[in-house]
Structures are given as C-alpha cells and as structure tokens.
N, C-alpha and C. Protein backbone atom coordinates (compact mmCIF):
# COMPACT_ATOMS: atom_id res chain seq x y z
N MET A 1 114.07 121.90 92.23
CA MET A 1 114.89 121.75 93.41
C MET A 1 115.24 120.29 93.63
N ASP A 2 116.33 120.12 94.30
CA ASP A 2 116.83 118.79 94.61
C ASP A 2 115.93 118.16 95.68
N ARG A 3 115.54 116.89 95.45
CA ARG A 3 114.64 116.17 96.35
C ARG A 3 115.28 115.97 97.73
N THR A 4 116.57 115.66 97.82
CA THR A 4 117.23 115.46 99.11
C THR A 4 117.30 116.77 99.89
N TYR A 5 117.47 117.89 99.19
CA TYR A 5 117.47 119.20 99.85
C TYR A 5 116.12 119.47 100.50
N MET A 6 115.03 119.16 99.81
CA MET A 6 113.68 119.37 100.35
C MET A 6 113.42 118.44 101.53
N ASN A 7 113.86 117.18 101.41
CA ASN A 7 113.66 116.22 102.51
C ASN A 7 114.42 116.67 103.76
N ARG A 8 115.63 117.15 103.57
CA ARG A 8 116.43 117.62 104.70
C ARG A 8 115.77 118.81 105.39
N ASN A 9 115.29 119.76 104.61
CA ASN A 9 114.61 120.93 105.18
C ASN A 9 113.31 120.54 105.88
N MET A 10 112.59 119.59 105.31
CA MET A 10 111.34 119.13 105.93
C MET A 10 111.63 118.47 107.27
N LYS A 11 112.69 117.68 107.35
CA LYS A 11 113.08 117.03 108.60
C LYS A 11 113.45 118.07 109.66
N ARG A 12 114.19 119.09 109.24
CA ARG A 12 114.55 120.16 110.17
C ARG A 12 113.32 120.89 110.68
N LEU A 13 112.40 121.18 109.77
CA LEU A 13 111.18 121.87 110.14
C LEU A 13 110.35 121.05 111.12
N LEU A 14 110.22 119.75 110.87
CA LEU A 14 109.46 118.87 111.76
C LEU A 14 110.16 118.76 113.12
N SER A 15 111.48 118.68 113.12
CA SER A 15 112.23 118.60 114.39
C SER A 15 112.03 119.86 115.21
N MET A 16 112.08 121.02 114.56
CA MET A 16 111.89 122.28 115.27
C MET A 16 110.47 122.38 115.82
N ALA A 17 109.49 121.92 115.07
CA ALA A 17 108.10 121.96 115.54
C ALA A 17 107.93 121.04 116.75
N ALA A 18 108.54 119.87 116.72
CA ALA A 18 108.45 118.93 117.85
C ALA A 18 109.12 119.53 119.08
N MET A 19 110.26 120.19 118.91
CA MET A 19 110.95 120.80 120.04
C MET A 19 110.11 121.93 120.64
N CYS A 20 109.45 122.70 119.80
CA CYS A 20 108.59 123.78 120.30
C CYS A 20 107.43 123.22 121.10
N MET A 21 106.84 122.11 120.63
CA MET A 21 105.72 121.51 121.37
C MET A 21 106.20 120.95 122.70
N LEU A 22 107.36 120.34 122.73
CA LEU A 22 107.92 119.82 123.99
C LEU A 22 108.23 120.97 124.94
N GLY A 23 108.77 122.05 124.42
CA GLY A 23 109.08 123.21 125.24
C GLY A 23 107.84 123.83 125.84
N ALA A 24 106.76 123.86 125.09
CA ALA A 24 105.51 124.44 125.59
C ALA A 24 104.94 123.60 126.72
N THR A 25 105.05 122.26 126.61
CA THR A 25 104.53 121.41 127.69
C THR A 25 105.44 121.47 128.91
N ALA A 26 106.71 121.79 128.75
CA ALA A 26 107.61 121.90 129.90
C ALA A 26 107.23 123.09 130.78
N PHE A 27 106.59 124.10 130.21
CA PHE A 27 106.19 125.27 130.98
C PHE A 27 104.83 125.08 131.64
N ALA A 28 104.10 124.06 131.25
CA ALA A 28 102.81 123.79 131.88
C ALA A 28 103.07 123.01 133.15
N GLN A 29 102.96 123.69 134.30
CA GLN A 29 103.26 123.05 135.58
C GLN A 29 102.32 123.55 136.66
N ALA A 30 102.36 122.81 137.75
CA ALA A 30 101.67 123.25 138.95
C ALA A 30 102.56 124.27 139.67
N VAL A 31 101.95 125.17 140.40
CA VAL A 31 102.67 126.14 141.23
C VAL A 31 101.95 126.23 142.57
N ILE A 32 102.68 126.03 143.67
CA ILE A 32 102.07 126.09 145.00
C ILE A 32 102.33 127.47 145.60
N LYS A 33 101.24 128.10 146.06
CA LYS A 33 101.34 129.43 146.68
C LYS A 33 100.56 129.40 147.99
N PHE A 34 101.29 129.60 149.10
CA PHE A 34 100.67 129.59 150.42
C PHE A 34 100.10 130.96 150.76
N GLU A 35 98.95 130.97 151.44
CA GLU A 35 98.36 132.23 151.90
C GLU A 35 99.26 132.88 152.94
N GLN A 36 99.89 132.07 153.79
CA GLN A 36 100.89 132.56 154.73
C GLN A 36 101.91 131.45 154.95
N THR A 37 103.16 131.84 155.10
CA THR A 37 104.22 130.85 155.27
C THR A 37 104.64 130.68 156.71
N THR A 38 104.16 131.53 157.62
CA THR A 38 104.44 131.39 159.05
C THR A 38 103.14 131.60 159.81
N ILE A 39 102.85 130.67 160.73
CA ILE A 39 101.69 130.81 161.61
C ILE A 39 102.20 130.89 163.04
N ASP A 40 101.76 131.94 163.74
CA ASP A 40 102.14 132.14 165.14
C ASP A 40 101.07 131.52 166.03
N LEU A 41 101.45 130.53 166.82
CA LEU A 41 100.53 129.85 167.72
C LEU A 41 100.33 130.61 169.02
N GLY A 42 101.08 131.68 169.23
CA GLY A 42 100.94 132.50 170.43
C GLY A 42 101.55 131.82 171.64
N LYS A 43 101.05 132.19 172.82
CA LYS A 43 101.53 131.60 174.08
C LYS A 43 100.54 130.51 174.50
N PHE A 44 101.08 129.37 174.94
CA PHE A 44 100.21 128.27 175.34
C PHE A 44 100.93 127.39 176.35
N ALA A 45 100.12 126.64 177.12
CA ALA A 45 100.66 125.74 178.14
C ALA A 45 101.28 124.51 177.50
N GLU A 46 102.29 123.98 178.15
CA GLU A 46 103.02 122.81 177.66
C GLU A 46 102.10 121.62 177.40
N LYS A 47 101.09 121.44 178.24
CA LYS A 47 100.22 120.27 178.10
C LYS A 47 99.21 120.39 176.95
N LYS A 48 99.08 121.57 176.38
CA LYS A 48 98.10 121.78 175.32
C LYS A 48 98.73 121.57 173.94
N VAL A 49 98.22 120.56 173.22
CA VAL A 49 98.68 120.30 171.85
C VAL A 49 98.07 121.37 170.95
N GLN A 50 98.90 122.00 170.13
CA GLN A 50 98.47 123.07 169.24
C GLN A 50 98.30 122.52 167.82
N SER A 51 97.36 123.09 167.08
CA SER A 51 97.21 122.71 165.68
C SER A 51 96.82 123.94 164.86
N CYS A 52 97.16 123.86 163.59
CA CYS A 52 96.85 124.96 162.67
C CYS A 52 96.78 124.39 161.26
N GLU A 53 96.35 125.22 160.33
CA GLU A 53 96.24 124.81 158.93
C GLU A 53 96.88 125.84 158.02
N PHE A 54 97.70 125.36 157.12
CA PHE A 54 98.29 126.20 156.08
C PHE A 54 97.47 125.99 154.82
N VAL A 55 96.89 127.05 154.30
CA VAL A 55 96.08 126.98 153.08
C VAL A 55 96.95 127.41 151.91
N PHE A 56 96.87 126.64 150.83
CA PHE A 56 97.62 126.97 149.62
C PHE A 56 96.71 126.89 148.41
N THR A 57 97.15 127.52 147.34
CA THR A 57 96.43 127.50 146.06
C THR A 57 97.36 127.01 144.97
N ASN A 58 96.84 126.20 144.08
CA ASN A 58 97.60 125.80 142.89
C ASN A 58 97.39 126.89 141.84
N THR A 59 98.38 127.75 141.67
CA THR A 59 98.27 128.86 140.71
C THR A 59 98.84 128.47 139.34
N GLY A 60 99.18 127.21 139.17
CA GLY A 60 99.73 126.73 137.91
C GLY A 60 98.66 126.26 136.95
N THR A 61 99.10 125.51 135.94
CA THR A 61 98.21 125.05 134.88
C THR A 61 98.01 123.53 134.89
N GLU A 62 98.68 122.84 135.78
CA GLU A 62 98.57 121.38 135.89
C GLU A 62 98.18 121.01 137.32
N PRO A 63 97.62 119.80 137.55
CA PRO A 63 97.29 119.38 138.91
C PRO A 63 98.54 119.33 139.80
N LEU A 64 98.34 119.73 141.06
CA LEU A 64 99.41 119.77 142.06
C LEU A 64 99.27 118.57 142.98
N VAL A 65 100.37 117.87 143.22
CA VAL A 65 100.37 116.73 144.13
C VAL A 65 101.42 116.96 145.21
N ILE A 66 100.98 116.96 146.47
CA ILE A 66 101.92 117.04 147.59
C ILE A 66 102.52 115.65 147.76
N GLN A 67 103.81 115.53 147.55
CA GLN A 67 104.47 114.24 147.65
C GLN A 67 104.91 113.92 149.08
N GLN A 68 105.26 114.97 149.83
CA GLN A 68 105.76 114.76 151.19
C GLN A 68 105.69 116.07 151.95
N ALA A 69 105.33 115.98 153.22
CA ALA A 69 105.38 117.12 154.13
C ALA A 69 105.92 116.59 155.45
N TYR A 70 107.00 117.18 155.94
CA TYR A 70 107.60 116.66 157.17
C TYR A 70 108.17 117.79 158.01
N GLY A 71 108.14 117.56 159.33
CA GLY A 71 108.66 118.52 160.29
C GLY A 71 110.11 118.21 160.61
N ALA A 72 110.76 119.14 161.29
CA ALA A 72 112.18 118.99 161.63
C ALA A 72 112.38 118.06 162.82
N CYS A 73 111.31 117.83 163.60
CA CYS A 73 111.42 116.95 164.76
C CYS A 73 110.09 116.24 164.97
N GLY A 74 110.05 115.32 165.92
CA GLY A 74 108.84 114.55 166.18
C GLY A 74 107.72 115.35 166.82
N CYS A 75 108.01 116.52 167.35
CA CYS A 75 106.98 117.32 168.00
C CYS A 75 106.11 118.07 166.98
N THR A 76 106.57 118.20 165.75
CA THR A 76 105.85 118.91 164.69
C THR A 76 105.43 117.90 163.64
N VAL A 77 104.11 117.67 163.51
CA VAL A 77 103.61 116.64 162.60
C VAL A 77 102.65 117.26 161.57
N PRO A 78 103.08 117.34 160.31
CA PRO A 78 102.20 117.84 159.25
C PRO A 78 101.43 116.69 158.59
N THR A 79 100.23 117.00 158.12
CA THR A 79 99.40 116.03 157.40
C THR A 79 98.88 116.71 156.14
N ALA A 80 99.13 116.09 155.00
CA ALA A 80 98.66 116.65 153.73
C ALA A 80 97.95 115.56 152.94
N SER A 81 96.93 115.94 152.21
CA SER A 81 96.20 115.01 151.36
C SER A 81 97.06 114.64 150.15
N LYS A 82 96.94 113.40 149.71
CA LYS A 82 97.66 112.94 148.52
C LYS A 82 96.85 113.19 147.24
N ALA A 83 95.59 113.61 147.40
CA ALA A 83 94.74 113.87 146.24
C ALA A 83 95.25 115.10 145.47
N PRO A 84 95.27 115.04 144.14
CA PRO A 84 95.72 116.19 143.35
C PRO A 84 94.83 117.42 143.57
N VAL A 85 95.47 118.58 143.56
CA VAL A 85 94.76 119.87 143.67
C VAL A 85 94.79 120.49 142.27
N ASN A 86 93.62 120.64 141.68
CA ASN A 86 93.54 121.16 140.31
C ASN A 86 93.90 122.64 140.25
N PRO A 87 94.28 123.13 139.07
CA PRO A 87 94.61 124.55 138.91
C PRO A 87 93.48 125.45 139.42
N GLY A 88 93.86 126.45 140.21
CA GLY A 88 92.89 127.39 140.76
C GLY A 88 92.24 126.94 142.05
N GLU A 89 92.44 125.68 142.44
CA GLU A 89 91.81 125.17 143.66
C GLU A 89 92.75 125.31 144.86
N LYS A 90 92.14 125.20 146.05
CA LYS A 90 92.89 125.33 147.30
C LYS A 90 93.09 123.96 147.94
N GLY A 91 94.14 123.87 148.74
CA GLY A 91 94.42 122.69 149.52
C GLY A 91 94.88 123.11 150.91
N VAL A 92 95.02 122.13 151.81
CA VAL A 92 95.37 122.42 153.20
C VAL A 92 96.43 121.44 153.69
N ILE A 93 97.38 121.97 154.44
CA ILE A 93 98.32 121.13 155.18
C ILE A 93 98.06 121.41 156.65
N LYS A 94 97.65 120.36 157.38
CA LYS A 94 97.37 120.50 158.81
C LYS A 94 98.65 120.17 159.58
N VAL A 95 98.91 120.96 160.62
CA VAL A 95 100.11 120.78 161.43
C VAL A 95 99.73 120.74 162.90
N THR A 96 100.25 119.75 163.63
CA THR A 96 100.07 119.71 165.07
C THR A 96 101.45 119.84 165.73
N TYR A 97 101.45 120.51 166.88
CA TYR A 97 102.68 120.69 167.65
C TYR A 97 102.42 120.21 169.07
N ASN A 98 103.22 119.22 169.51
CA ASN A 98 103.13 118.70 170.86
C ASN A 98 104.50 118.89 171.52
N GLY A 99 104.62 119.93 172.33
CA GLY A 99 105.90 120.25 172.95
C GLY A 99 106.09 119.68 174.34
N LYS A 100 105.18 118.80 174.76
CA LYS A 100 105.26 118.25 176.12
C LYS A 100 106.62 117.58 176.33
N GLY A 101 107.30 118.02 177.40
CA GLY A 101 108.61 117.46 177.72
C GLY A 101 109.75 118.10 176.95
N LYS A 102 109.45 119.06 176.09
CA LYS A 102 110.48 119.76 175.31
C LYS A 102 110.88 121.04 176.05
N PHE A 103 111.76 121.79 175.46
CA PHE A 103 112.23 123.03 176.06
C PHE A 103 111.15 124.11 175.99
N PRO A 104 110.82 124.73 177.12
CA PRO A 104 109.83 125.81 177.10
C PRO A 104 110.44 127.08 176.51
N GLY A 105 109.57 128.01 176.18
CA GLY A 105 110.01 129.28 175.61
C GLY A 105 109.65 129.39 174.14
N PHE A 106 110.26 130.37 173.49
CA PHE A 106 109.97 130.64 172.08
C PHE A 106 110.55 129.53 171.20
N PHE A 107 109.82 129.18 170.15
CA PHE A 107 110.30 128.21 169.16
C PHE A 107 109.84 128.65 167.77
N LYS A 108 110.56 128.19 166.77
CA LYS A 108 110.17 128.36 165.37
C LYS A 108 110.57 127.08 164.65
N LYS A 109 109.56 126.31 164.21
CA LYS A 109 109.80 125.00 163.61
C LYS A 109 109.48 125.02 162.11
N PRO A 110 110.40 124.51 161.29
CA PRO A 110 110.13 124.45 159.85
C PRO A 110 109.37 123.18 159.47
N ILE A 111 108.54 123.30 158.46
CA ILE A 111 107.88 122.16 157.82
C ILE A 111 108.28 122.23 156.35
N THR A 112 108.85 121.16 155.85
CA THR A 112 109.27 121.12 154.45
C THR A 112 108.19 120.43 153.62
N VAL A 113 107.78 121.08 152.53
CA VAL A 113 106.74 120.55 151.65
C VAL A 113 107.37 120.27 150.30
N ARG A 114 107.26 119.01 149.87
CA ARG A 114 107.75 118.62 148.54
C ARG A 114 106.55 118.29 147.66
N SER A 115 106.59 118.80 146.42
CA SER A 115 105.48 118.57 145.50
C SER A 115 106.00 118.49 144.06
N ASN A 116 105.07 118.30 143.14
CA ASN A 116 105.43 118.28 141.72
C ASN A 116 105.39 119.68 141.11
N ALA A 117 105.30 120.71 141.93
CA ALA A 117 105.20 122.09 141.46
C ALA A 117 106.54 122.57 140.92
N SER A 118 106.50 123.68 140.20
CA SER A 118 107.75 124.26 139.69
C SER A 118 108.61 124.73 140.87
N ASN A 119 107.98 125.18 141.95
CA ASN A 119 108.69 125.47 143.20
C ASN A 119 108.53 124.23 144.09
N ALA A 120 109.26 123.18 143.74
CA ALA A 120 109.06 121.83 144.27
C ALA A 120 109.28 121.70 145.78
N ILE A 121 110.16 122.52 146.35
CA ILE A 121 110.43 122.45 147.79
C ILE A 121 110.13 123.82 148.40
N VAL A 122 109.20 123.83 149.35
CA VAL A 122 108.80 125.07 150.02
C VAL A 122 108.86 124.82 151.53
N ARG A 123 109.34 125.80 152.28
CA ARG A 123 109.35 125.69 153.74
C ARG A 123 108.32 126.64 154.32
N ILE A 124 107.52 126.10 155.22
CA ILE A 124 106.57 126.88 155.98
C ILE A 124 106.95 126.72 157.45
N TYR A 125 106.46 127.62 158.31
CA TYR A 125 106.91 127.62 159.70
C TYR A 125 105.75 127.80 160.67
N ILE A 126 105.90 127.15 161.85
CA ILE A 126 105.05 127.46 162.98
C ILE A 126 105.97 128.04 164.04
N GLN A 127 105.42 128.95 164.81
CA GLN A 127 106.20 129.52 165.90
C GLN A 127 105.25 129.83 167.06
N GLY A 128 105.84 130.02 168.22
CA GLY A 128 105.03 130.33 169.38
C GLY A 128 105.90 130.33 170.63
N THR A 129 105.25 130.48 171.77
CA THR A 129 105.95 130.46 173.05
C THR A 129 105.24 129.45 173.94
N MET A 130 105.95 128.38 174.28
CA MET A 130 105.39 127.35 175.13
C MET A 130 105.75 127.68 176.59
N LEU A 131 104.73 127.73 177.44
CA LEU A 131 104.90 128.05 178.84
C LEU A 131 104.99 126.76 179.66
N VAL A 132 105.76 126.81 180.74
CA VAL A 132 105.90 125.65 181.61
C VAL A 132 104.61 125.44 182.39
N ASP A 133 104.16 124.18 182.45
CA ASP A 133 102.95 123.86 183.20
C ASP A 133 103.22 124.03 184.70
N GLU A 134 102.25 124.58 185.38
CA GLU A 134 102.34 124.72 186.84
C GLU A 134 102.02 123.37 187.47
N LYS A 135 102.74 123.02 188.52
CA LYS A 135 102.50 121.72 189.15
C LYS A 135 101.60 121.85 190.32
C-alpha cells in the first residue's frame, strides 16, 4: 500500500477518535433539579418577614456551581452558596420576602437561578397572601 494513503487514513482515524472524546466530555454536565419550584408562604402579616428554602439536587455527572440567584424586586432576596455541589448531593437556596410597605394581597415572585448546569437558567417562585397590618 501507498505510504501517503496510510498516513491520510491514520490522520482521519485519530481525528475521529479525538472528536468522539470531545463529544463524550460535552455530555458530562451538572443538572439542577429542584424538589419543588413553587413555595406557598400562606397568609401572613405585612410586618412579618417570611423565609423559605428551595432544596435542589445535582443529578448530573459534574460539580454544580450556582453562579447567580436573584429576585424580580428588592423585596425578594435569594441567597445561594458559591461552593460546588457534587453529583448526587443536595444544595439549598434560601429566600426571604419582606413586603413591608408593598401592595397587600396575593403575590407570586420569581427567583431566577443561573448555574453551570445543562439547564443553566431555572425559575423558582414564592407566593402567598400578605395581609395589611392593623394599626
């Protein structure tokens, strides 16, 4: 056989093997899965600050890092750890809601979570009914 023919085929074979290895690592990712995506805070007085925790699991194959968690307004404040969550482990996003001076009644507030997961942007929600404080 011709030496250049063999070299060309060997290069193709090596290129295909490298592409397969890169493709396999592209599928190795973190995946964030929340136990619940909406938490109902119920009915509460305006002066009472509410808090809750959203529990999630990394169901992927790589460590999960929460890059950012933010509420739609200043009354909803999420807090998430920056420490990586290993595959199979759980993590928590704590959320506080302070509606003092806001509109009373039913509300539903989104919290946007950005991470390195394959589902990189996830929205979770708090909802409830804030009652007017008696004077």
